[in-house]
Amino acid sequence: GKGAFEKRPNPRFADIRTLFPIPSLTMHFVMAGDGGDQSLEAMVGKT
């Protein structure tokens, strides 16, 4: 009953059970060009 569900609690949430994993949500920081700085600092001064 926390976070997004704090104001909408329901006892049936306790009945949820796990089945299997699917592909994860993976963060991508995509920049134009190749080579050069590939750290997050490469975003400095960019749009």
ModelCIF file with pLDDT and N, C-alpha, C, O atoms, coordinates in Angstrom:
data_MODEL
#
_entry.id   MODEL 
#
_entity.id                         1 
_entity.type                       polymer 
_entity.pdbx_number_of_molecules   1 
#
_entity_poly.entity_id                      1 
_entity_poly.type                           'polypeptide(L)' 
_entity_poly.nstd_linkage                   no 
_entity_poly.nstd_monomer                   no 
_entity_poly.pdbx_seq_one_letter_code       GKGAFEKRPNPRFADIRTLFPIPSLTMHFVMAGDGGDQSLEAMVGKT 
_entity_poly.pdbx_seq_one_letter_code_can   GKGAFEKRPNPRFADIRTLFPIPSLTMHFVMAGDGGDQSLEAMVGKT 
_entity_poly.pdbx_strand_id                 A 
#
loop_
_entity_poly_seq.entity_id 
_entity_poly_seq.num 
_entity_poly_seq.mon_id 
_entity_poly_seq.hetero 
1 1  GLY n 
1 2  LYS n 
1 3  GLY n 
1 4  ALA n 
1 5  PHE n 
1 6  GLU n 
1 7  LYS n 
1 8  ARG n 
1 9  PRO n 
1 10 ASN n 
1 11 PRO n 
1 12 ARG n 
1 13 PHE n 
1 14 ALA n 
1 15 ASP n 
1 16 ILE n 
1 17 ARG n 
1 18 THR n 
1 19 LEU n 
1 20 PHE n 
1 21 PRO n 
1 22 ILE n 
1 23 PRO n 
1 24 SER n 
1 25 LEU n 
1 26 THR n 
1 27 MET n 
1 28 HIS n 
1 29 PHE n 
1 30 VAL n 
1 31 MET n 
1 32 ALA n 
1 33 GLY n 
1 34 ASP n 
1 35 GLY n 
1 36 GLY n 
1 37 ASP n 
1 38 GLN n 
1 39 SER n 
1 40 LEU n 
1 41 GLU n 
1 42 ALA n 
1 43 MET n 
1 44 VAL n 
1 45 GLY n 
1 46 LYS n 
1 47 THR n 
#
_struct_asym.id          A 
_struct_asym.entity_id   1 
#
loop_
_ma_qa_metric.id 
_ma_qa_metric.mode 
_ma_qa_metric.name 
_ma_qa_metric.software_group_id 
_ma_qa_metric.type 
1 global pLDDT . pLDDT 
2 local  pLDDT . pLDDT 
#
_ma_qa_metric_global.metric_id      1 
_ma_qa_metric_global.metric_value   94.91 
_ma_qa_metric_global.model_id       1 
_ma_qa_metric_global.ordinal_id     1 
#
loop_
_ma_qa_metric_local.label_asym_id 
_ma_qa_metric_local.label_comp_id 
_ma_qa_metric_local.label_seq_id 
_ma_qa_metric_local.metric_id 
_ma_qa_metric_local.metric_value 
_ma_qa_metric_local.model_id 
_ma_qa_metric_local.ordinal_id 
A GLY 1  2 94.00 1 1  
A LYS 2  2 95.00 1 2  
A GLY 3  2 92.00 1 3  
A ALA 4  2 90.00 1 4  
A PHE 5  2 95.00 1 5  
A GLU 6  2 94.00 1 6  
A LYS 7  2 93.00 1 7  
A ARG 8  2 93.00 1 8  
A PRO 9  2 94.00 1 9  
A ASN 10 2 96.00 1 10 
A PRO 11 2 96.00 1 11 
A ARG 12 2 96.00 1 12 
A PHE 13 2 97.00 1 13 
A ALA 14 2 96.00 1 14 
A ASP 15 2 97.00 1 15 
A ILE 16 2 97.00 1 16 
A ARG 17 2 98.00 1 17 
A THR 18 2 98.00 1 18 
A LEU 19 2 98.00 1 19 
A PHE 20 2 98.00 1 20 
A PRO 21 2 97.00 1 21 
A ILE 22 2 96.00 1 22 
A PRO 23 2 95.00 1 23 
A SER 24 2 93.00 1 24 
A LEU 25 2 93.00 1 25 
A THR 26 2 95.00 1 26 
A MET 27 2 96.00 1 27 
A HIS 28 2 97.00 1 28 
A PHE 29 2 97.00 1 29 
A VAL 30 2 97.00 1 30 
A MET 31 2 97.00 1 31 
A ALA 32 2 96.00 1 32 
A GLY 33 2 92.00 1 33 
A ASP 34 2 85.00 1 34 
A GLY 35 2 82.00 1 35 
A GLY 36 2 88.00 1 36 
A ASP 37 2 92.00 1 37 
A GLN 38 2 95.00 1 38 
A SER 39 2 96.00 1 39 
A LEU 40 2 97.00 1 40 
A GLU 41 2 96.00 1 41 
A ALA 42 2 97.00 1 42 
A MET 43 2 97.00 1 43 
A VAL 44 2 97.00 1 44 
A GLY 45 2 97.00 1 45 
A LYS 46 2 97.00 1 46 
A THR 47 2 97.00 1 47 
#
loop_
_atom_site.group_PDB 
_atom_site.id 
_atom_site.type_symbol 
_atom_site.label_atom_id 
_atom_site.label_alt_id 
_atom_site.label_comp_id 
_atom_site.label_asym_id 
_atom_site.label_entity_id 
_atom_site.label_seq_id 
_atom_site.pdbx_PDB_ins_code 
_atom_site.Cartn_x 
_atom_site.Cartn_y 
_atom_site.Cartn_z 
_atom_site.occupancy 
_atom_site.B_iso_or_equiv 
_atom_site.pdbx_formal_charge 
_atom_site.auth_seq_id 
_atom_site.auth_comp_id 
_atom_site.auth_asym_id 
_atom_site.auth_atom_id 
_atom_site.pdbx_PDB_model_num 
ATOM 1   N N  . GLY A 1 1  ? 0.808  -1.215  0.000   1.00 94.00 ? 1  GLY A N  1 
ATOM 2   C CA . GLY A 1 1  ? 0.000  0.000   0.000   1.00 94.00 ? 1  GLY A CA 1 
ATOM 3   C C  . GLY A 1 1  ? 0.838  1.260   0.000   1.00 94.00 ? 1  GLY A C  1 
ATOM 4   O O  . GLY A 1 1  ? 0.485  2.239   0.657   1.00 94.00 ? 1  GLY A O  1 
ATOM 5   N N  . LYS A 1 2  ? 1.947  1.249   -0.731  1.00 95.00 ? 2  LYS A N  1 
ATOM 6   C CA . LYS A 1 2  ? 2.855  2.384   -0.756  1.00 95.00 ? 2  LYS A CA 1 
ATOM 7   C C  . LYS A 1 2  ? 2.970  2.967   -2.165  1.00 95.00 ? 2  LYS A C  1 
ATOM 8   O O  . LYS A 1 2  ? 2.453  2.402   -3.128  1.00 95.00 ? 2  LYS A O  1 
ATOM 9   N N  . GLY A 1 3  ? 3.653  4.100   -2.266  1.00 92.00 ? 3  GLY A N  1 
ATOM 10  C CA . GLY A 1 3  ? 3.905  4.709   -3.567  1.00 92.00 ? 3  GLY A CA 1 
ATOM 11  C C  . GLY A 1 3  ? 2.625  5.057   -4.318  1.00 92.00 ? 3  GLY A C  1 
ATOM 12  O O  . GLY A 1 3  ? 1.740  5.725   -3.783  1.00 92.00 ? 3  GLY A O  1 
ATOM 13  N N  . ALA A 1 4  ? 2.539  4.599   -5.563  1.00 90.00 ? 4  ALA A N  1 
ATOM 14  C CA . ALA A 1 4  ? 1.382  4.912   -6.404  1.00 90.00 ? 4  ALA A CA 1 
ATOM 15  C C  . ALA A 1 4  ? 0.093  4.297   -5.879  1.00 90.00 ? 4  ALA A C  1 
ATOM 16  O O  . ALA A 1 4  ? -0.993 4.639   -6.347  1.00 90.00 ? 4  ALA A O  1 
ATOM 17  N N  . PHE A 1 5  ? 0.204  3.394   -4.912  1.00 95.00 ? 5  PHE A N  1 
ATOM 18  C CA . PHE A 1 5  ? -0.980 2.673   -4.413  1.00 95.00 ? 5  PHE A CA 1 
ATOM 19  C C  . PHE A 1 5  ? -1.371 3.094   -2.996  1.00 95.00 ? 5  PHE A C  1 
ATOM 20  O O  . PHE A 1 5  ? -2.268 2.508   -2.389  1.00 95.00 ? 5  PHE A O  1 
ATOM 21  N N  . GLU A 1 6  ? -0.692 4.110   -2.481  1.00 94.00 ? 6  GLU A N  1 
ATOM 22  C CA . GLU A 1 6  ? -0.950 4.540   -1.103  1.00 94.00 ? 6  GLU A CA 1 
ATOM 23  C C  . GLU A 1 6  ? -2.392 4.999   -0.913  1.00 94.00 ? 6  GLU A C  1 
ATOM 24  O O  . GLU A 1 6  ? -3.003 4.733   0.121   1.00 94.00 ? 6  GLU A O  1 
ATOM 25  N N  . LYS A 1 7  ? -2.928 5.687   -1.912  1.00 93.00 ? 7  LYS A N  1 
ATOM 26  C CA . LYS A 1 7  ? -4.301 6.194   -1.805  1.00 93.00 ? 7  LYS A CA 1 
ATOM 27  C C  . LYS A 1 7  ? -5.322 5.232   -2.397  1.00 93.00 ? 7  LYS A C  1 
ATOM 28  O O  . LYS A 1 7  ? -6.526 5.485   -2.352  1.00 93.00 ? 7  LYS A O  1 
ATOM 29  N N  . ARG A 1 8  ? -4.829 4.121   -2.954  1.00 93.00 ? 8  ARG A N  1 
ATOM 30  C CA . ARG A 1 8  ? -5.738 3.143   -3.560  1.00 93.00 ? 8  ARG A CA 1 
ATOM 31  C C  . ARG A 1 8  ? -5.364 1.723   -3.138  1.00 93.00 ? 8  ARG A C  1 
ATOM 32  O O  . ARG A 1 8  ? -5.149 0.859   -3.987  1.00 93.00 ? 8  ARG A O  1 
ATOM 33  N N  . PRO A 1 9  ? -5.286 1.483   -1.841  1.00 94.00 ? 9  PRO A N  1 
ATOM 34  C CA . PRO A 1 9  ? -4.888 0.142   -1.383  1.00 94.00 ? 9  PRO A CA 1 
ATOM 35  C C  . PRO A 1 9  ? -5.990 -0.875  -1.654  1.00 94.00 ? 9  PRO A C  1 
ATOM 36  O O  . PRO A 1 9  ? -7.169 -0.528  -1.732  1.00 94.00 ? 9  PRO A O  1 
ATOM 37  N N  . ASN A 1 10 ? -5.592 -2.124  -1.794  1.00 96.00 ? 10 ASN A N  1 
ATOM 38  C CA . ASN A 1 10 ? -6.573 -3.191  -2.014  1.00 96.00 ? 10 ASN A CA 1 
ATOM 39  C C  . ASN A 1 10 ? -5.969 -4.489  -1.488  1.00 96.00 ? 10 ASN A C  1 
ATOM 40  O O  . ASN A 1 10 ? -4.836 -4.820  -1.837  1.00 96.00 ? 10 ASN A O  1 
ATOM 41  N N  . PRO A 1 11 ? -6.699 -5.228  -0.660  1.00 96.00 ? 11 PRO A N  1 
ATOM 42  C CA . PRO A 1 11 ? -6.150 -6.472  -0.107  1.00 96.00 ? 11 PRO A CA 1 
ATOM 43  C C  . PRO A 1 11 ? -5.818 -7.507  -1.171  1.00 96.00 ? 11 PRO A C  1 
ATOM 44  O O  . PRO A 1 11 ? -5.006 -8.400  -0.930  1.00 96.00 ? 11 PRO A O  1 
ATOM 45  N N  . ARG A 1 12 ? -6.439 -7.402  -2.351  1.00 96.00 ? 12 ARG A N  1 
ATOM 46  C CA . ARG A 1 12 ? -6.180 -8.393  -3.403  1.00 96.00 ? 12 ARG A CA 1 
ATOM 47  C C  . ARG A 1 12 ? -4.795 -8.238  -4.021  1.00 96.00 ? 12 ARG A C  1 
ATOM 48  O O  . ARG A 1 12 ? -4.334 -9.142  -4.717  1.00 96.00 ? 12 ARG A O  1 
ATOM 49  N N  . PHE A 1 13 ? -4.125 -7.119  -3.786  1.00 97.00 ? 13 PHE A N  1 
ATOM 50  C CA . PHE A 1 13 ? -2.752 -6.987  -4.273  1.00 97.00 ? 13 PHE A CA 1 
ATOM 51  C C  . PHE A 1 13 ? -1.856 -8.047  -3.636  1.00 97.00 ? 13 PHE A C  1 
ATOM 52  O O  . PHE A 1 13 ? -0.843 -8.442  -4.212  1.00 97.00 ? 13 PHE A O  1 
ATOM 53  N N  . ALA A 1 14 ? -2.236 -8.499  -2.454  1.00 96.00 ? 14 ALA A N  1 
ATOM 54  C CA . ALA A 1 14 ? -1.444 -9.523  -1.765  1.00 96.00 ? 14 ALA A CA 1 
ATOM 55  C C  . ALA A 1 14 ? -1.578 -10.888 -2.436  1.00 96.00 ? 14 ALA A C  1 
ATOM 56  O O  . ALA A 1 14 ? -0.850 -11.822 -2.099  1.00 96.00 ? 14 ALA A O  1 
ATOM 57  N N  . ASP A 1 15 ? -2.505 -11.004 -3.380  1.00 97.00 ? 15 ASP A N  1 
ATOM 58  C CA . ASP A 1 15 ? -2.723 -12.278 -4.075  1.00 97.00 ? 15 ASP A CA 1 
ATOM 59  C C  . ASP A 1 15 ? -1.907 -12.386 -5.366  1.00 97.00 ? 15 ASP A C  1 
ATOM 60  O O  . ASP A 1 15 ? -2.009 -13.387 -6.075  1.00 97.00 ? 15 ASP A O  1 
ATOM 61  N N  . ILE A 1 16 ? -1.108 -11.378 -5.676  1.00 97.00 ? 16 ILE A N  1 
ATOM 62  C CA . ILE A 1 16 ? -0.288 -11.400 -6.897  1.00 97.00 ? 16 ILE A CA 1 
ATOM 63  C C  . ILE A 1 16 ? 0.870  -12.374 -6.706  1.00 97.00 ? 16 ILE A C  1 
ATOM 64  O O  . ILE A 1 16 ? 1.503  -12.407 -5.652  1.00 97.00 ? 16 ILE A O  1 
ATOM 65  N N  . ARG A 1 17 ? 1.137  -13.174 -7.756  1.00 98.00 ? 17 ARG A N  1 
ATOM 66  C CA . ARG A 1 17 ? 2.197  -14.170 -7.688  1.00 98.00 ? 17 ARG A CA 1 
ATOM 67  C C  . ARG A 1 17 ? 3.074  -14.091 -8.949  1.00 98.00 ? 17 ARG A C  1 
ATOM 68  O O  . ARG A 1 17 ? 2.603  -13.738 -10.030 1.00 98.00 ? 17 ARG A O  1 
ATOM 69  N N  . THR A 1 18 ? 4.347  -14.425 -8.783  1.00 98.00 ? 18 THR A N  1 
ATOM 70  C CA . THR A 1 18 ? 5.327  -14.372 -9.873  1.00 98.00 ? 18 THR A CA 1 
ATOM 71  C C  . THR A 1 18 ? 5.239  -15.602 -10.768 1.00 98.00 ? 18 THR A C  1 
ATOM 72  O O  . THR A 1 18 ? 5.000  -16.713 -10.294 1.00 98.00 ? 18 THR A O  1 
ATOM 73  N N  . LEU A 1 19 ? 5.435  -15.390 -12.076 1.00 98.00 ? 19 LEU A N  1 
ATOM 74  C CA . LEU A 1 19 ? 5.490  -16.498 -13.041 1.00 98.00 ? 19 LEU A CA 1 
ATOM 75  C C  . LEU A 1 19 ? 6.898  -16.654 -13.624 1.00 98.00 ? 19 LEU A C  1 
ATOM 76  O O  . LEU A 1 19 ? 7.564  -17.657 -13.368 1.00 98.00 ? 19 LEU A O  1 
ATOM 77  N N  . PHE A 1 20 ? 7.354  -15.669 -14.407 1.00 98.00 ? 20 PHE A N  1 
ATOM 78  C CA . PHE A 1 20 ? 8.667  -15.765 -15.056 1.00 98.00 ? 20 PHE A CA 1 
ATOM 79  C C  . PHE A 1 20 ? 9.132  -14.372 -15.473 1.00 98.00 ? 20 PHE A C  1 
ATOM 80  O O  . PHE A 1 20 ? 8.311  -13.465 -15.608 1.00 98.00 ? 20 PHE A O  1 
ATOM 81  N N  . PRO A 1 21 ? 10.446 -14.188 -15.680 1.00 97.00 ? 21 PRO A N  1 
ATOM 82  C CA . PRO A 1 21 ? 10.966 -12.885 -16.124 1.00 97.00 ? 21 PRO A CA 1 
ATOM 83  C C  . PRO A 1 21 ? 10.797 -12.688 -17.623 1.00 97.00 ? 21 PRO A C  1 
ATOM 84  O O  . PRO A 1 21 ? 10.733 -13.649 -18.390 1.00 97.00 ? 21 PRO A O  1 
ATOM 85  N N  . ILE A 1 22 ? 10.727 -11.426 -18.023 1.00 96.00 ? 22 ILE A N  1 
ATOM 86  C CA . ILE A 1 22 ? 10.754 -11.075 -19.439 1.00 96.00 ? 22 ILE A CA 1 
ATOM 87  C C  . ILE A 1 22 ? 11.888 -10.056 -19.605 1.00 96.00 ? 22 ILE A C  1 
ATOM 88  O O  . ILE A 1 22 ? 12.475 -9.653  -18.601 1.00 96.00 ? 22 ILE A O  1 
ATOM 89  N N  . PRO A 1 23 ? 12.220 -9.625  -20.818 1.00 95.00 ? 23 PRO A N  1 
ATOM 90  C CA . PRO A 1 23 ? 13.336 -8.691  -20.985 1.00 95.00 ? 23 PRO A CA 1 
ATOM 91  C C  . PRO A 1 23 ? 13.198 -7.431  -20.131 1.00 95.00 ? 23 PRO A C  1 
ATOM 92  O O  . PRO A 1 23 ? 12.110 -6.873  -19.989 1.00 95.00 ? 23 PRO A O  1 
ATOM 93  N N  . SER A 1 24 ? 14.319 -6.999  -19.571 1.00 93.00 ? 24 SER A N  1 
ATOM 94  C CA . SER A 1 24 ? 14.333 -5.848  -18.663 1.00 93.00 ? 24 SER A CA 1 
ATOM 95  C C  . SER A 1 24 ? 14.252 -4.526  -19.428 1.00 93.00 ? 24 SER A C  1 
ATOM 96  O O  . SER A 1 24 ? 14.597 -4.452  -20.607 1.00 93.00 ? 24 SER A O  1 
ATOM 97  N N  . LEU A 1 25 ? 13.786 -3.482  -18.728 1.00 93.00 ? 25 LEU A N  1 
ATOM 98  C CA . LEU A 1 25 ? 13.814 -2.121  -19.256 1.00 93.00 ? 25 LEU A CA 1 
ATOM 99  C C  . LEU A 1 25 ? 15.244 -1.605  -19.128 1.00 93.00 ? 25 LEU A C  1 
ATOM 100 O O  . LEU A 1 25 ? 15.709 -1.349  -18.017 1.00 93.00 ? 25 LEU A O  1 
ATOM 101 N N  . THR A 1 26 ? 15.928 -1.453  -20.219 1.00 95.00 ? 26 THR A N  1 
ATOM 102 C CA . THR A 1 26 ? 17.347 -1.101  -20.202 1.00 95.00 ? 26 THR A CA 1 
ATOM 103 C C  . THR A 1 26 ? 17.556 0.336   -20.666 1.00 95.00 ? 26 THR A C  1 
ATOM 104 O O  . THR A 1 26 ? 17.047 0.744   -21.709 1.00 95.00 ? 26 THR A O  1 
ATOM 105 N N  . MET A 1 27 ? 18.306 1.092   -19.884 1.00 96.00 ? 27 MET A N  1 
ATOM 106 C CA . MET A 1 27 ? 18.567 2.493   -20.215 1.00 96.00 ? 27 MET A CA 1 
ATOM 107 C C  . MET A 1 27 ? 19.550 2.598   -21.371 1.00 96.00 ? 27 MET A C  1 
ATOM 108 O O  . MET A 1 27 ? 20.589 1.937   -21.384 1.00 96.00 ? 27 MET A O  1 
ATOM 109 N N  . HIS A 1 28 ? 19.208 3.439   -22.342 1.00 97.00 ? 28 HIS A N  1 
ATOM 110 C CA . HIS A 1 28 ? 20.078 3.731   -23.489 1.00 97.00 ? 28 HIS A CA 1 
ATOM 111 C C  . HIS A 1 28 ? 20.322 5.234   -23.541 1.00 97.00 ? 28 HIS A C  1 
ATOM 112 O O  . HIS A 1 28 ? 19.374 6.017   -23.592 1.00 97.00 ? 28 HIS A O  1 
ATOM 113 N N  . PHE A 1 29 ? 21.587 5.637   -23.530 1.00 97.00 ? 29 PHE A N  1 
ATOM 114 C CA . PHE A 1 29 ? 21.957 7.026   -23.763 1.00 97.00 ? 29 PHE A CA 1 
ATOM 115 C C  . PHE A 1 29 ? 22.582 7.068   -25.162 1.00 97.00 ? 29 PHE A C  1 
ATOM 116 O O  . PHE A 1 29 ? 23.730 6.669   -25.359 1.00 97.00 ? 29 PHE A O  1 
ATOM 117 N N  . VAL A 1 30 ? 21.806 7.555   -26.117 1.00 97.00 ? 30 VAL A N  1 
ATOM 118 C CA . VAL A 1 30 ? 22.187 7.494   -27.531 1.00 97.00 ? 30 VAL A CA 1 
ATOM 119 C C  . VAL A 1 30 ? 22.660 8.864   -27.999 1.00 97.00 ? 30 VAL A C  1 
ATOM 120 O O  . VAL A 1 30 ? 21.966 9.865   -27.819 1.00 97.00 ? 30 VAL A O  1 
ATOM 121 N N  . MET A 1 31 ? 23.847 8.901   -28.601 1.00 97.00 ? 31 MET A N  1 
ATOM 122 C CA . MET A 1 31 ? 24.392 10.158  -29.109 1.00 97.00 ? 31 MET A CA 1 
ATOM 123 C C  . MET A 1 31 ? 24.755 10.017  -30.590 1.00 97.00 ? 31 MET A C  1 
ATOM 124 O O  . MET A 1 31 ? 25.127 8.936   -31.048 1.00 97.00 ? 31 MET A O  1 
ATOM 125 N N  . ALA A 1 32 ? 24.643 11.110  -31.318 1.00 96.00 ? 32 ALA A N  1 
ATOM 126 C CA . ALA A 1 32 ? 25.060 11.114  -32.722 1.00 96.00 ? 32 ALA A CA 1 
ATOM 127 C C  . ALA A 1 32 ? 26.576 11.067  -32.794 1.00 96.00 ? 32 ALA A C  1 
ATOM 128 O O  . ALA A 1 32 ? 27.265 11.607  -31.929 1.00 96.00 ? 32 ALA A O  1 
ATOM 129 N N  . GLY A 1 33 ? 27.092 10.416  -33.835 1.00 92.00 ? 33 GLY A N  1 
ATOM 130 C CA . GLY A 1 33 ? 28.535 10.336  -34.031 1.00 92.00 ? 33 GLY A CA 1 
ATOM 131 C C  . GLY A 1 33 ? 29.098 9.044   -33.472 1.00 92.00 ? 33 GLY A C  1 
ATOM 132 O O  . GLY A 1 33 ? 28.421 8.321   -32.741 1.00 92.00 ? 33 GLY A O  1 
ATOM 133 N N  . ASP A 1 34 ? 30.332 8.765   -33.819 1.00 85.00 ? 34 ASP A N  1 
ATOM 134 C CA . ASP A 1 34 ? 30.991 7.567   -33.300 1.00 85.00 ? 34 ASP A CA 1 
ATOM 135 C C  . ASP A 1 34 ? 32.361 7.950   -32.758 1.00 85.00 ? 34 ASP A C  1 
ATOM 136 O O  . ASP A 1 34 ? 32.965 8.923   -33.210 1.00 85.00 ? 34 ASP A O  1 
ATOM 137 N N  . GLY A 1 35 ? 32.844 7.193   -31.799 1.00 82.00 ? 35 GLY A N  1 
ATOM 138 C CA . GLY A 1 35 ? 34.141 7.482   -31.202 1.00 82.00 ? 35 GLY A CA 1 
ATOM 139 C C  . GLY A 1 35 ? 34.071 8.658   -30.245 1.00 82.00 ? 35 GLY A C  1 
ATOM 140 O O  . GLY A 1 35 ? 32.999 9.199   -29.973 1.00 82.00 ? 35 GLY A O  1 
ATOM 141 N N  . GLY A 1 36 ? 35.247 9.047   -29.736 1.00 88.00 ? 36 GLY A N  1 
ATOM 142 C CA . GLY A 1 36 ? 35.307 10.163  -28.800 1.00 88.00 ? 36 GLY A CA 1 
ATOM 143 C C  . GLY A 1 36 ? 34.816 9.760   -27.414 1.00 88.00 ? 36 GLY A C  1 
ATOM 144 O O  . GLY A 1 36 ? 34.766 8.575   -27.087 1.00 88.00 ? 36 GLY A O  1 
ATOM 145 N N  . ASP A 1 37 ? 34.457 10.746  -26.607 1.00 92.00 ? 37 ASP A N  1 
ATOM 146 C CA . ASP A 1 37 ? 34.025 10.518  -25.232 1.00 92.00 ? 37 ASP A CA 1 
ATOM 147 C C  . ASP A 1 37 ? 32.733 9.705   -25.216 1.00 92.00 ? 37 ASP A C  1 
ATOM 148 O O  . ASP A 1 37 ? 31.745 10.074  -25.851 1.00 92.00 ? 37 ASP A O  1 
ATOM 149 N N  . GLN A 1 38 ? 32.756 8.600   -24.486 1.00 95.00 ? 38 GLN A N  1 
ATOM 150 C CA . GLN A 1 38 ? 31.558 7.768   -24.380 1.00 95.00 ? 38 GLN A CA 1 
ATOM 151 C C  . GLN A 1 38 ? 31.036 7.684   -22.949 1.00 95.00 ? 38 GLN A C  1 
ATOM 152 O O  . GLN A 1 38 ? 30.234 6.811   -22.616 1.00 95.00 ? 38 GLN A O  1 
ATOM 153 N N  . SER A 1 39 ? 31.502 8.602   -22.113 1.00 96.00 ? 39 SER A N  1 
ATOM 154 C CA . SER A 1 39 ? 30.977 8.678   -20.749 1.00 96.00 ? 39 SER A CA 1 
ATOM 155 C C  . SER A 1 39 ? 29.739 9.567   -20.754 1.00 96.00 ? 39 SER A C  1 
ATOM 156 O O  . SER A 1 39 ? 29.430 10.194  -21.767 1.00 96.00 ? 39 SER A O  1 
ATOM 157 N N  . LEU A 1 40 ? 29.038 9.625   -19.641 1.00 97.00 ? 40 LEU A N  1 
ATOM 158 C CA . LEU A 1 40 ? 27.852 10.473  -19.545 1.00 97.00 ? 40 LEU A CA 1 
ATOM 159 C C  . LEU A 1 40 ? 28.208 11.948  -19.718 1.00 97.00 ? 40 LEU A C  1 
ATOM 160 O O  . LEU A 1 40 ? 27.348 12.756  -20.066 1.00 97.00 ? 40 LEU A O  1 
ATOM 161 N N  . GLU A 1 41 ? 29.471 12.302  -19.476 1.00 96.00 ? 41 GLU A N  1 
ATOM 162 C CA . GLU A 1 41 ? 29.934 13.680  -19.652 1.00 96.00 ? 41 GLU A CA 1 
ATOM 163 C C  . GLU A 1 41 ? 29.829 14.125  -21.113 1.00 96.00 ? 41 GLU A C  1 
ATOM 164 O O  . GLU A 1 41 ? 29.865 15.321  -21.401 1.00 96.00 ? 41 GLU A O  1 
ATOM 165 N N  . ALA A 1 42 ? 29.701 13.177  -22.024 1.00 97.00 ? 42 ALA A N  1 
ATOM 166 C CA . ALA A 1 42 ? 29.578 13.522  -23.440 1.00 97.00 ? 42 ALA A CA 1 
ATOM 167 C C  . ALA A 1 42 ? 28.298 14.301  -23.735 1.00 97.00 ? 42 ALA A C  1 
ATOM 168 O O  . ALA A 1 42 ? 28.154 14.875  -24.815 1.00 97.00 ? 42 ALA A O  1 
ATOM 169 N N  . MET A 1 43 ? 27.372 14.323  -22.781 1.00 97.00 ? 43 MET A N  1 
ATOM 170 C CA . MET A 1 43 ? 26.122 15.072  -22.979 1.00 97.00 ? 43 MET A CA 1 
ATOM 171 C C  . MET A 1 43 ? 26.261 16.548  -22.657 1.00 97.00 ? 43 MET A C  1 
ATOM 172 O O  . MET A 1 43 ? 25.380 17.339  -22.994 1.00 97.00 ? 43 MET A O  1 
ATOM 173 N N  . VAL A 1 44 ? 27.364 16.937  -22.002 1.00 97.00 ? 44 VAL A N  1 
ATOM 174 C CA . VAL A 1 44 ? 27.556 18.332  -21.613 1.00 97.00 ? 44 VAL A CA 1 
ATOM 175 C C  . VAL A 1 44 ? 27.550 19.243  -22.848 1.00 97.00 ? 44 VAL A C  1 
ATOM 176 O O  . VAL A 1 44 ? 28.247 18.986  -23.830 1.00 97.00 ? 44 VAL A O  1 
ATOM 177 N N  . GLY A 1 45 ? 26.748 20.311  -22.774 1.00 97.00 ? 45 GLY A N  1 
ATOM 178 C CA . GLY A 1 45 ? 26.668 21.272  -23.874 1.00 97.00 ? 45 GLY A CA 1 
ATOM 179 C C  . GLY A 1 45 ? 25.828 20.799  -25.046 1.00 97.00 ? 45 GLY A C  1 
ATOM 180 O O  . GLY A 1 45 ? 25.785 21.469  -26.078 1.00 97.00 ? 45 GLY A O  1 
ATOM 181 N N  . LYS A 1 46 ? 25.165 19.672  -24.914 1.00 97.00 ? 46 LYS A N  1 
ATOM 182 C CA . LYS A 1 46 ? 24.393 19.092  -26.018 1.00 97.00 ? 46 LYS A CA 1 
ATOM 183 C C  . LYS A 1 46 ? 22.883 19.230  -25.778 1.00 97.00 ? 46 LYS A C  1 
ATOM 184 O O  . LYS A 1 46 ? 22.433 19.488  -24.662 1.00 97.00 ? 46 LYS A O  1 
ATOM 185 N N  . THR A 1 47 ? 22.132 19.051  -26.842 1.00 97.00 ? 47 THR A N  1 
ATOM 186 C CA . THR A 1 47 ? 20.666 19.041  -26.760 1.00 97.00 ? 47 THR A CA 1 
ATOM 187 C C  . THR A 1 47 ? 20.197 17.600  -26.715 1.00 97.00 ? 47 THR A C  1 
ATOM 188 O O  . THR A 1 47 ? 18.995 17.344  -26.645 1.00 97.00 ? 47 THR A O  1 
#
